[in-house]
N, C-alpha and C. Protein backbone atom coordinates (compact mmCIF):
# COMPACT_ATOMS: atom_id res chain seq x y z
N MET A 1 -8.07 5.03 -17.70
CA MET A 1 -7.00 5.07 -16.73
C MET A 1 -5.87 5.55 -17.67
N ALA A 2 -5.04 6.57 -17.11
CA ALA A 2 -4.00 7.17 -17.88
C ALA A 2 -2.72 6.27 -17.68
N THR A 3 -2.01 6.21 -18.68
CA THR A 3 -0.60 5.48 -18.46
C THR A 3 0.53 6.41 -18.60
N THR A 4 1.49 6.20 -17.84
CA THR A 4 2.61 7.24 -17.70
C THR A 4 3.85 6.40 -17.96
N GLN A 5 4.73 6.88 -18.96
CA GLN A 5 5.82 6.31 -19.44
C GLN A 5 6.97 7.10 -19.00
N GLN A 6 7.93 6.55 -18.10
CA GLN A 6 9.15 7.15 -17.69
C GLN A 6 10.35 6.39 -17.97
N GLY A 7 11.43 7.07 -18.14
CA GLY A 7 12.81 6.39 -18.24
C GLY A 7 13.77 7.21 -19.05
N PRO A 8 14.90 6.86 -18.87
CA PRO A 8 16.08 7.62 -19.51
C PRO A 8 15.91 7.50 -21.01
N GLU A 9 15.18 6.62 -21.63
CA GLU A 9 15.29 6.35 -23.11
C GLU A 9 14.04 7.22 -23.68
N MET A 10 13.23 7.90 -22.98
CA MET A 10 12.14 8.55 -23.58
C MET A 10 12.43 9.80 -24.01
N ARG A 11 12.21 10.05 -25.22
CA ARG A 11 12.62 11.53 -25.94
C ARG A 11 11.43 12.01 -26.79
N ILE A 12 11.45 13.32 -26.89
CA ILE A 12 10.49 13.92 -27.92
C ILE A 12 11.32 14.99 -28.72
N GLU A 13 10.96 14.94 -30.00
CA GLU A 13 11.60 15.83 -30.94
C GLU A 13 10.52 16.58 -31.54
N VAL A 14 10.48 17.95 -31.46
CA VAL A 14 9.55 18.82 -32.32
C VAL A 14 10.12 19.69 -33.38
N ARG A 15 9.59 19.61 -34.46
CA ARG A 15 10.01 20.35 -35.43
C ARG A 15 9.06 21.22 -36.16
N ARG A 16 9.26 22.54 -36.24
CA ARG A 16 8.29 23.47 -36.90
C ARG A 16 9.12 24.77 -37.30
N VAL A 17 8.75 25.39 -38.25
CA VAL A 17 9.24 26.75 -38.70
C VAL A 17 8.34 27.84 -38.25
N PHE A 18 8.92 28.91 -37.68
CA PHE A 18 8.16 29.93 -37.21
C PHE A 18 8.77 31.22 -37.70
N ALA A 19 7.91 32.27 -38.07
CA ALA A 19 8.48 33.51 -38.60
C ALA A 19 8.71 34.36 -37.42
N ALA A 20 9.86 33.96 -36.67
CA ALA A 20 10.30 34.63 -35.44
C ALA A 20 11.86 34.32 -35.30
N PRO A 21 12.51 35.27 -34.61
CA PRO A 21 13.74 35.03 -34.23
C PRO A 21 14.06 33.77 -33.40
N ARG A 22 15.07 33.09 -33.92
CA ARG A 22 15.39 31.71 -33.22
C ARG A 22 15.46 31.90 -31.54
N GLU A 23 15.99 33.02 -31.17
CA GLU A 23 16.07 33.24 -29.78
C GLU A 23 14.60 33.34 -28.94
N LYS A 24 13.79 34.00 -29.60
CA LYS A 24 12.36 34.11 -29.09
C LYS A 24 11.64 32.81 -29.01
N VAL A 25 11.70 32.14 -30.02
CA VAL A 25 11.17 30.78 -30.22
C VAL A 25 11.73 29.76 -29.14
N TYR A 26 13.05 29.80 -28.92
CA TYR A 26 13.73 29.00 -27.95
C TYR A 26 13.34 29.47 -26.51
N GLY A 27 13.29 30.74 -26.39
CA GLY A 27 12.76 31.31 -25.06
C GLY A 27 11.44 30.90 -24.76
N ALA A 28 10.50 30.70 -25.67
CA ALA A 28 9.20 30.27 -25.52
C ALA A 28 9.16 28.88 -24.81
N TRP A 29 10.19 28.06 -25.18
CA TRP A 29 10.17 26.75 -24.75
C TRP A 29 10.97 26.59 -23.35
N ILE A 30 11.76 27.33 -22.97
CA ILE A 30 12.67 27.14 -21.87
C ILE A 30 12.33 28.10 -20.68
N GLU A 31 11.75 29.30 -20.91
CA GLU A 31 11.32 30.29 -19.87
C GLU A 31 9.95 29.91 -19.36
N ARG A 32 9.83 29.49 -18.13
CA ARG A 32 8.54 29.20 -17.59
C ARG A 32 7.49 30.21 -17.95
N GLY A 33 7.67 31.48 -17.59
CA GLY A 33 6.72 32.54 -17.83
C GLY A 33 6.21 32.40 -19.48
N GLU A 34 7.16 32.36 -20.34
CA GLU A 34 6.76 32.34 -21.59
C GLU A 34 6.07 31.03 -22.08
N LEU A 35 6.41 29.87 -21.44
CA LEU A 35 5.81 28.67 -21.87
C LEU A 35 4.38 28.60 -21.34
N GLU A 36 4.15 29.28 -20.09
CA GLU A 36 2.78 29.24 -19.63
C GLU A 36 1.87 30.00 -20.40
N GLN A 37 2.49 30.89 -21.31
CA GLN A 37 1.57 31.78 -22.05
C GLN A 37 0.96 31.17 -23.26
N TRP A 38 1.62 29.89 -23.71
CA TRP A 38 1.08 29.26 -24.87
C TRP A 38 0.83 27.85 -24.89
N MET A 39 1.57 27.23 -23.87
CA MET A 39 1.28 25.63 -23.91
C MET A 39 0.03 25.20 -23.43
N CYS A 40 -0.70 24.61 -24.36
CA CYS A 40 -2.05 23.96 -24.12
C CYS A 40 -3.13 24.94 -24.03
N ARG A 41 -2.96 26.19 -24.44
CA ARG A 41 -4.05 27.24 -24.29
C ARG A 41 -5.13 27.06 -25.43
N ASP A 42 -5.06 26.12 -26.30
CA ASP A 42 -5.99 25.92 -27.30
C ASP A 42 -7.09 25.06 -26.81
N VAL A 43 -6.94 24.41 -25.72
CA VAL A 43 -8.05 23.68 -25.06
C VAL A 43 -8.31 24.27 -23.70
N PRO A 44 -9.43 25.01 -23.56
CA PRO A 44 -9.70 25.75 -22.19
C PRO A 44 -9.81 24.89 -21.06
N THR A 45 -10.12 23.53 -21.17
CA THR A 45 -10.33 22.75 -20.13
C THR A 45 -8.86 22.01 -19.66
N HIS A 46 -7.70 22.30 -20.38
CA HIS A 46 -6.46 21.81 -20.04
C HIS A 46 -5.89 22.55 -18.99
N ARG A 47 -5.19 21.82 -18.03
CA ARG A 47 -4.51 22.52 -16.87
C ARG A 47 -3.07 21.88 -17.00
N VAL A 48 -2.07 22.69 -17.04
CA VAL A 48 -0.80 22.29 -17.09
C VAL A 48 0.04 22.64 -15.68
N LYS A 49 0.78 21.58 -15.27
CA LYS A 49 1.83 21.85 -14.22
C LYS A 49 3.12 21.44 -14.74
N TYR A 50 4.01 22.51 -14.44
CA TYR A 50 5.40 22.36 -14.94
C TYR A 50 6.24 21.78 -13.72
N LEU A 51 6.61 20.60 -13.78
CA LEU A 51 7.20 19.87 -12.62
C LEU A 51 8.72 20.08 -12.66
N GLU A 52 9.36 19.98 -13.85
CA GLU A 52 10.73 20.10 -13.95
C GLU A 52 11.18 20.98 -15.24
N LEU A 53 11.92 21.77 -15.19
CA LEU A 53 12.30 22.48 -16.36
C LEU A 53 13.84 22.77 -16.24
N GLU A 54 14.62 21.80 -16.49
CA GLU A 54 16.03 21.80 -16.32
C GLU A 54 16.69 21.86 -17.76
N VAL A 55 16.98 22.88 -18.27
CA VAL A 55 17.47 23.24 -19.67
C VAL A 55 18.99 22.92 -19.79
N LYS A 56 19.38 21.83 -19.92
CA LYS A 56 20.74 21.53 -20.17
C LYS A 56 21.17 20.14 -20.83
N THR A 57 22.02 19.93 -21.38
CA THR A 57 22.31 18.53 -21.87
C THR A 57 22.26 17.61 -20.72
N GLY A 58 21.41 16.54 -20.91
CA GLY A 58 21.14 15.49 -19.96
C GLY A 58 20.05 16.01 -18.90
N GLY A 59 19.49 17.14 -19.11
CA GLY A 59 18.44 17.80 -18.12
C GLY A 59 17.06 17.10 -18.31
N ARG A 60 16.15 17.62 -17.61
CA ARG A 60 14.73 17.11 -17.48
C ARG A 60 13.80 18.23 -17.84
N TYR A 61 12.72 17.73 -18.57
CA TYR A 61 11.68 18.76 -18.89
C TYR A 61 10.39 17.84 -18.60
N VAL A 62 9.80 18.17 -17.51
CA VAL A 62 8.58 17.40 -17.19
C VAL A 62 7.37 18.28 -16.87
N MET A 63 6.32 17.90 -17.61
CA MET A 63 5.11 18.54 -17.37
C MET A 63 3.98 17.65 -17.34
N GLU A 64 2.79 18.03 -16.66
CA GLU A 64 1.73 17.13 -16.53
C GLU A 64 0.42 18.06 -17.04
N VAL A 65 -0.21 17.40 -18.02
CA VAL A 65 -1.40 18.16 -18.55
C VAL A 65 -2.61 17.22 -18.21
N THR A 66 -3.52 17.83 -17.65
CA THR A 66 -4.86 17.26 -17.18
C THR A 66 -6.00 17.86 -17.89
N ASP A 67 -7.09 17.18 -18.11
CA ASP A 67 -8.24 17.87 -18.76
C ASP A 67 -9.39 17.90 -17.66
N VAL A 68 -9.60 19.27 -17.50
CA VAL A 68 -10.63 19.38 -16.32
C VAL A 68 -11.99 19.63 -16.88
N ALA A 69 -13.03 18.87 -16.47
CA ALA A 69 -14.49 18.95 -16.95
C ALA A 69 -14.94 20.41 -16.65
N PRO A 70 -15.69 21.00 -17.64
CA PRO A 70 -16.12 22.35 -17.52
C PRO A 70 -17.17 22.17 -16.41
N ALA A 71 -17.33 23.30 -15.69
CA ALA A 71 -18.23 23.33 -14.40
C ALA A 71 -19.69 23.65 -14.96
């Protein structure tokens, strides 16, 4: 059974260095079309739903990742 944690105090911070312009890396996280090209692509059975992508101070970034059994 999966457990979901929600609330105003939940945060995630990701740090990594990329050999790419800052604007391109930022765009890969905030533009839905760009995000869909790379997020969870390393596992073929992952399905990602982008529920909210409100990029601003105090905004929300909500996605759901499920693992679908191969047919």
